[in-house]
C-alpha atoms as a PDB file:
ATOM      1  CA  MET A   1       0.117   0.098  -0.036  1.00  0.00           C
ATOM      2  CA  THR A   2       1.319   3.422  -0.998  1.00  0.00           C
ATOM      3  CA  SER A   3       1.211   6.412   1.290  1.00  0.00           C
ATOM      4  CA  LEU A   4      -1.070   9.416   0.510  1.00  0.00           C
ATOM      5  CA  PHE A   5       1.464  11.612   1.761  1.00  0.00           C
ATOM      6  CA  SER A   6       4.860  12.724   0.434  1.00  0.00           C
ATOM      7  CA  SER A   7       7.611  12.258   2.853  1.00  0.00           C
ATOM      8  CA  GLU A   8       9.768  15.270   1.722  1.00  0.00           C
ATOM      9  CA  ILE A   9       9.760  18.543   3.752  1.00  0.00           C
ATOM     10  CA  PHE A  10       8.641  21.531   1.563  1.00  0.00           C
ATOM     11  CA  THR A  11       9.441  25.374   1.850  1.00  0.00           C
ATOM     12  CA  LEU A  12       8.208  28.308  -0.179  1.00  0.00           C
ATOM     13  CA  GLY A  13      10.004  27.317  -3.177  1.00  0.00           C
ATOM     14  CA  GLY A  14       8.925  23.647  -3.079  1.00  0.00           C
ATOM     15  CA  ASN A  15      10.932  20.712  -1.811  1.00  0.00           C
ATOM     16  CA  ALA A  16      14.624  20.474  -0.560  1.00  0.00           C
ATOM     17  CA  PHE A  17      15.676  19.188  -4.112  1.00  0.00           C
ATOM     18  CA  GLY A  18      14.140  22.038  -6.179  1.00  0.00           C
ATOM     19  CA  GLY A  19      11.156  20.180  -7.061  1.00  0.00           C
ATOM     20  CA  PRO A  20       7.453  21.626  -6.760  1.00  0.00           C
ATOM     21  CA  CYS A  21       5.204  20.903  -3.875  1.00  0.00           C
ATOM     22  CA  GLN A  22       3.134  17.822  -4.041  1.00  0.00           C
ATOM     23  CA  PHE A  23       0.025  17.540  -1.789  1.00  0.00           C
ATOM     24  CA  PRO A  24      -1.053  16.558   0.492  1.00  0.00           C
ATOM     25  CA  PHE A  25       2.224  15.866   2.467  1.00  0.00           C
ATOM     26  CA  LYS A  26       2.699  15.091   6.083  1.00  0.00           C
ATOM     27  CA  PHE A  27       4.824  17.123   8.509  1.00  0.00           C
ATOM     28  CA  ALA A  28       5.094  16.668  12.072  1.00  0.00           C
ATOM     29  CA  SER A  29       2.249  14.327  12.203  1.00  0.00           C
ATOM     30  CA  THR A  30       0.130  16.982  10.486  1.00  0.00           C
ATOM     31  CA  CYS A  31      -1.460  16.913   6.999  1.00  0.00           C
ATOM     32  CA  GLU A  32      -0.182  19.935   5.004  1.00  0.00           C
ATOM     33  CA  GLU A  33      -2.170  21.155   1.985  1.00  0.00           C
ATOM     34  CA  SER A  34       0.110  24.215   1.175  1.00  0.00           C
ATOM     35  CA  CYS A  35       4.064  24.912   0.943  1.00  0.00           C
ATOM     36  CA  LEU A  36       3.619  27.650   3.536  1.00  0.00           C
ATOM     37  CA  HIS A  37       3.396  26.714   7.129  1.00  0.00           C
ATOM     38  CA  PRO A  38       0.478  28.220   9.037  1.00  0.00           C
ATOM     39  CA  THR A  39       1.117  31.400  11.169  1.00  0.00           C
ATOM     40  CA  GLY A  40       2.008  30.269  14.632  1.00  0.00           C
ATOM     41  CA  ARG A  41       4.145  27.454  13.770  1.00  0.00           C
ATOM     42  CA  ASP A  42       7.591  27.520  14.750  1.00  0.00           C
ATOM     43  CA  GLN A  43       8.912  27.390  11.421  1.00  0.00           C
ATOM     44  CA  PRO A  44      10.971  29.881   9.267  1.00  0.00           C
ATOM     45  CA  SER A  45       8.924  31.502   6.532  1.00  0.00           C
ATOM     46  CA  PHE A  46      11.842  31.036   4.283  1.00  0.00           C
ATOM     47  CA  CYS A  47      15.101  29.107   4.045  1.00  0.00           C
ATOM     48  CA  PRO A  48      17.717  29.712   1.370  1.00  0.00           C
ATOM     49  CA  ASN A  49      17.634  27.633  -1.580  1.00  0.00           C
ATOM     50  CA  HIS A  50      18.350  23.826  -1.105  1.00  0.00           C
ATOM     51  CA  TRP A  51      17.911  24.125   2.860  1.00  0.00           C
ATOM     52  CA  VAL A  52      15.162  22.411   4.803  1.00  0.00           C
ATOM     53  CA  PRO A  53      13.078  23.817   7.632  1.00  0.00           C
ATOM     54  CA  TYR A  54      12.578  22.158  10.780  1.00  0.00           C
ATOM     55  CA  SER A  55      11.526  23.429  14.195  1.00  0.00           C
ATOM     56  CA  GLY A  56      12.376  26.959  13.340  1.00  0.00           C
ATOM     57  CA  ASN A  57      15.821  26.232  11.824  1.00  0.00           C
ATOM     58  CA  CYS A  58      16.955  25.596   8.326  1.00  0.00           C
ATOM     59  CA  TYR A  59      19.292  22.568   7.520  1.00  0.00           C
ATOM     60  CA  TYR A  60      21.753  21.777   4.494  1.00  0.00           C
ATOM     61  CA  LEU A  61      23.422  18.532   4.038  1.00  0.00           C
ATOM     62  CA  ASP A  62      26.654  18.775   2.016  1.00  0.00           C
ATOM     63  CA  ARG A  63      28.274  15.946   0.352  1.00  0.00           C
ATOM     64  CA  SER A  64      31.689  17.685  -0.667  1.00  0.00           C
ATOM     65  CA  LYS A  65      33.746  15.908   1.883  1.00  0.00           C
ATOM     66  CA  LYS A  66      35.734  18.120   4.102  1.00  0.00           C
ATOM     67  CA  MET A  67      37.745  18.117   7.390  1.00  0.00           C
ATOM     68  CA  TRP A  68      35.540  19.233  10.312  1.00  0.00           C
ATOM     69  CA  LYS A  69      37.344  22.736  10.712  1.00  0.00           C
ATOM     70  CA  ASP A  70      36.705  23.365   6.831  1.00  0.00           C
ATOM     71  CA  ALA A  71      32.973  22.065   6.855  1.00  0.00           C
ATOM     72  CA  LEU A  72      32.562  24.518  10.112  1.00  0.00           C
ATOM     73  CA  SER A  73      33.960  27.470   7.926  1.00  0.00           C
ATOM     74  CA  ALA A  74      31.775  26.670   4.938  1.00  0.00           C
ATOM     75  CA  CYS A  75      28.757  26.747   7.326  1.00  0.00           C
ATOM     76  CA  HIS A  76      30.010  29.985   8.868  1.00  0.00           C
ATOM     77  CA  LYS A  77      30.158  31.362   5.236  1.00  0.00           C
ATOM     78  CA  GLU A  78      26.442  30.433   4.652  1.00  0.00           C
ATOM     79  CA  GLY A  79      25.356  32.280   7.873  1.00  0.00           C
ATOM     80  CA  GLY A  80      25.091  29.126   9.954  1.00  0.00           C
ATOM     81  CA  ASP A  81      27.031  26.476  11.864  1.00  0.00           C
ATOM     82  CA  LEU A  82      27.414  22.778  11.961  1.00  0.00           C
ATOM     83  CA  ALA A  83      24.275  21.388  13.338  1.00  0.00           C
ATOM     84  CA  SER A  84      23.803  20.910  16.982  1.00  0.00           C
ATOM     85  CA  ILE A  85      21.308  18.502  18.070  1.00  0.00           C
ATOM     86  CA  ALA A  86      19.056  19.373  21.068  1.00  0.00           C
ATOM     87  CA  ASN A  87      16.837  16.219  21.206  1.00  0.00           C
ATOM     88  CA  ILE A  88      15.761  12.920  19.638  1.00  0.00           C
ATOM     89  CA  GLU A  89      13.116  14.444  17.549  1.00  0.00           C
ATOM     90  CA  GLU A  90      15.647  16.765  15.685  1.00  0.00           C
ATOM     91  CA  GLN A  91      18.279  13.868  15.258  1.00  0.00           C
ATOM     92  CA  SER A  92      15.250  11.905  13.975  1.00  0.00           C
ATOM     93  CA  PHE A  93      14.476  14.811  11.432  1.00  0.00           C
ATOM     94  CA  ILE A  94      18.176  14.892  10.409  1.00  0.00           C
ATOM     95  CA  VAL A  95      18.393  11.016   9.766  1.00  0.00           C
ATOM     96  CA  SER A  96      14.896  10.820   8.006  1.00  0.00           C
ATOM     97  CA  GLN A  97      14.297  13.992   6.012  1.00  0.00           C
ATOM     98  CA  MET A  98      17.768  15.297   5.144  1.00  0.00           C
ATOM     99  CA  GLY A  99      18.739  12.467   2.534  1.00  0.00           C
ATOM    100  CA  TYR A 100      20.943  10.516   5.242  1.00  0.00           C
ATOM    101  CA  LEU A 101      21.844   7.286   3.578  1.00  0.00           C
ATOM    102  CA  PRO A 102      22.834   4.047   5.381  1.00  0.00           C
ATOM    103  CA  THR A 103      26.507   4.463   4.337  1.00  0.00           C
ATOM    104  CA  ASP A 104      26.607   8.111   5.596  1.00  0.00           C
ATOM    105  CA  VAL A 105      29.338   9.620   7.957  1.00  0.00           C
ATOM    106  CA  ILE A 106      28.291  13.258   8.538  1.00  0.00           C
ATOM    107  CA  TRP A 107      30.080  16.029  10.487  1.00  0.00           C
ATOM    108  CA  ILE A 108      28.001  17.608  13.194  1.00  0.00           C
ATOM    109  CA  GLY A 109      29.220  20.579  15.419  1.00  0.00           C
ATOM    110  CA  LEU A 110      29.898  18.720  18.663  1.00  0.00           C
ATOM    111  CA  ASN A 111      33.523  18.791  19.734  1.00  0.00           C
ATOM    112  CA  ASP A 112      35.963  18.432  22.406  1.00  0.00           C
ATOM    113  CA  GLN A 113      38.912  20.464  20.933  1.00  0.00           C
ATOM    114  CA  LYS A 114      39.318  22.845  24.110  1.00  0.00           C
ATOM    115  CA  ASN A 115      39.098  20.144  26.713  1.00  0.00           C
ATOM    116  CA  SER A 116      39.321  16.373  26.028  1.00  0.00           C
ATOM    117  CA  LEU A 117      35.971  14.890  26.630  1.00  0.00           C
ATOM    118  CA  LEU A 118      34.362  17.940  27.748  1.00  0.00           C
ATOM    119  CA  PHE A 119      32.074  18.247  24.529  1.00  0.00           C
ATOM    120  CA  GLU A 120      30.463  21.594  23.330  1.00  0.00           C
ATOM    121  CA  TRP A 121      28.548  22.547  20.416  1.00  0.00           C
ATOM    122  CA  SER A 122      30.277  24.678  17.826  1.00  0.00           C
ATOM    123  CA  ASP A 123      27.306  27.222  17.964  1.00  0.00           C
ATOM    124  CA  ARG A 124      27.618  27.294  21.749  1.00  0.00           C
ATOM    125  CA  SER A 125      24.025  25.977  22.233  1.00  0.00           C
ATOM    126  CA  PRO A 126      23.371  23.911  25.382  1.00  0.00           C
ATOM    127  CA  PHE A 127      24.875  20.402  25.508  1.00  0.00           C
ATOM    128  CA  GLU A 128      21.748  18.544  26.901  1.00  0.00           C
ATOM    129  CA  TYR A 129      21.227  15.666  24.759  1.00  0.00           C
ATOM    130  CA  GLU A 130      23.639  13.134  23.600  1.00  0.00           C
ATOM    131  CA  ASN A 131      23.373   9.733  21.503  1.00  0.00           C
ATOM    132  CA  TRP A 132      26.811   8.049  21.612  1.00  0.00           C
ATOM    133  CA  GLY A 133      27.181   4.607  20.025  1.00  0.00           C
ATOM    134  CA  TYR A 134      28.350   1.829  22.403  1.00  0.00           C
ATOM    135  CA  GLY A 135      31.838   2.580  23.923  1.00  0.00           C
ATOM    136  CA  GLU A 136      31.895   6.314  22.628  1.00  0.00           C
ATOM    137  CA  PRO A 137      33.219   8.773  22.841  1.00  0.00           C
ATOM    138  CA  ASN A 138      36.608   7.017  23.480  1.00  0.00           C
ATOM    139  CA  ASN A 139      38.951   9.584  22.265  1.00  0.00           C
ATOM    140  CA  HIS A 140      40.996   6.779  20.521  1.00  0.00           C
ATOM    141  CA  ASN A 141      44.779   7.261  20.320  1.00  0.00           C
ATOM    142  CA  ASP A 142      43.944  10.417  22.420  1.00  0.00           C
ATOM    143  CA  ASN A 143      43.129  12.055  18.996  1.00  0.00           C
ATOM    144  CA  GLU A 144      39.474  12.045  18.425  1.00  0.00           C
ATOM    145  CA  HIS A 145      37.953  15.536  18.977  1.00  0.00           C
ATOM    146  CA  CYS A 146      35.101  15.977  16.753  1.00  0.00           C
ATOM    147  CA  THR A 147      31.912  14.267  16.129  1.00  0.00           C
ATOM    148  CA  GLU A 148      30.034  12.338  13.483  1.00  0.00           C
ATOM    149  CA  LEU A 149      26.848  10.863  12.739  1.00  0.00           C
ATOM    150  CA  ASN A 150      27.952   7.399  11.680  1.00  0.00           C
ATOM    151  CA  SER A 151      25.500   4.733  10.368  1.00  0.00           C
ATOM    152  CA  TYR A 152      27.872   2.075  11.030  1.00  0.00           C
ATOM    153  CA  TYR A 153      26.910   2.558  14.751  1.00  0.00           C
ATOM    154  CA  GLY A 154      23.231   2.625  14.085  1.00  0.00           C
ATOM    155  CA  ARG A 155      23.281   6.427  13.369  1.00  0.00           C
ATOM    156  CA  PRO A 156      24.499   7.307  16.854  1.00  0.00           C
ATOM    157  CA  TRP A 157      27.463   9.597  17.496  1.00  0.00           C
ATOM    158  CA  ASN A 158      31.087   8.691  17.218  1.00  0.00           C
ATOM    159  CA  ASP A 159      34.110  10.926  18.197  1.00  0.00           C
ATOM    160  CA  ARG A 160      36.375  11.094  15.302  1.00  0.00           C
ATOM    161  CA  HIS A 161      39.849  12.526  14.282  1.00  0.00           C
ATOM    162  CA  CYS A 162      38.922  16.193  13.090  1.00  0.00           C
ATOM    163  CA  GLY A 163      41.297  15.788  10.062  1.00  0.00           C
ATOM    164  CA  PHE A 164      39.013  12.954   8.570  1.00  0.00           C
ATOM    165  CA  TYR A 165      37.350  14.112   5.285  1.00  0.00           C
ATOM    166  CA  SER A 166      33.400  13.644   5.680  1.00  0.00           C
ATOM    167  CA  ASP A 167      30.133  14.843   4.415  1.00  0.00           C
ATOM    168  CA  TRP A 168      28.530  17.579   6.825  1.00  0.00           C
ATOM    169  CA  ILE A 169      25.152  19.319   7.876  1.00  0.00           C
ATOM    170  CA  CYS A 170      24.855  23.106   8.463  1.00  0.00           C
ATOM    171  CA  GLN A 171      22.161  24.605  10.542  1.00  0.00           C
ATOM    172  CA  ILE A 172      20.996  28.070  10.634  1.00  0.00           C
ATOM    173  CA  ARG A 173      19.104  28.874  13.797  1.00  0.00           C
ATOM    174  CA  LYS A 174      16.056  31.022  13.955  1.00  0.00           C
ATOM    175  CA  GLY A 175      16.884  34.670  14.656  1.00  0.00           C
ATOM    176  CA  LYS A 176      20.389  34.256  13.647  1.00  0.00           C
ATOM    177  CA  ASN A 177      20.350  35.242  10.065  1.00  0.00           C
ATOM    178  CA  ALA A 178      18.487  37.316   7.612  1.00  0.00           C
ATOM    179  CA  TYR A 179      16.795  34.757   5.888  1.00  0.00           C
ATOM    180  CA  PHE A 180      14.362  34.559   8.666  1.00  0.00           C
ATOM    181  CA  ASN A 181      11.502  37.123   8.529  1.00  0.00           C
END
């Protein structure tokens, strides 16, 4: 049986892949009949092209492999930061709606570069949720100070050497960029 709903998230300009809206589609357990989110929802009224809105933020998955610091710099150039994950719902969104593949390894903003095993988000948001894989973080060879989503571990987090080349996900927080009205 096929679903009556599209599984993609849509913005004013269509879906995350530049295609037009397809109705109806399901978002946050609600049937949506338009690309515009109703007033009062905690959604940005516009995200930059190819960015996907969720819970008041915009997200972008980039598959041009970079070291963590270069991915962070690329996000800053876009007016954002590497993604910080505040809860299981946000993690689920990233995994289910951002085109995450079973073979993906993706940089997020969590790191312990200032103090080993004292993790913080690169955007300085509170570190209140964690989803480490079994035995992680382990700071293998005293040289793993950045964090990746790694499907090998069932999509939990893994600390990794920051010089590893990986895909990465940027996030623009609501109120932090001119894209938000």
